[in-house]
Amino acid sequence: MDFSNINFLAVLVGGILAFAFGSLWYSPVLFSNAWQKEVGLTEDDIKGANMAKIFGSSLVLMLVMSLGMAIMLKGHDDGEINLMTGLMHGLYTGIMFVATSIGINILYQRRSIKLFLIDAGYQVIMLVIMGAVIGAWS
């Protein structure tokens, strides 16, 4: 695989912005309380977690996802990659692959539609952010 046409700065920024957005999405300002309730975690569970491991691993996984978005967009490279192309690829990927996968898991786990909307909503917006950043920098 040829990585010479990948803008690694865009990949890094896209991954970091997605991580930062997740910090807001899953904060008390937005959905942390509802998410905790839906997954059955208490404050003690949260306090007892290895947050450095969780956050560090999440950031690495988001950077891998951002690289995947860049590879997908460059595979589409016909000179038409821009902010809107990246945004739309992020939206399509988020809705048609990630949200549907989360939905399947939610159904088998017998979890709520609320949890689906919180988790899938984040993933879709995160991929839109990544795609827009990478597309704008292409």
Foldseek 3Di string as FASTA:
>chain_A
DDCPPADLVLLLVLLVVLLVVVCVLCDPVHCVVVLCVQVVHDPVNVVPDPVCVVSVVSSVVSSVVLVVLRVVVVVVDPPPQALVNLLVVLQCCLPVPVLVVVVVVCVVVVTDVVNSCSVSVSSSVSSSSSRNSRSHVD
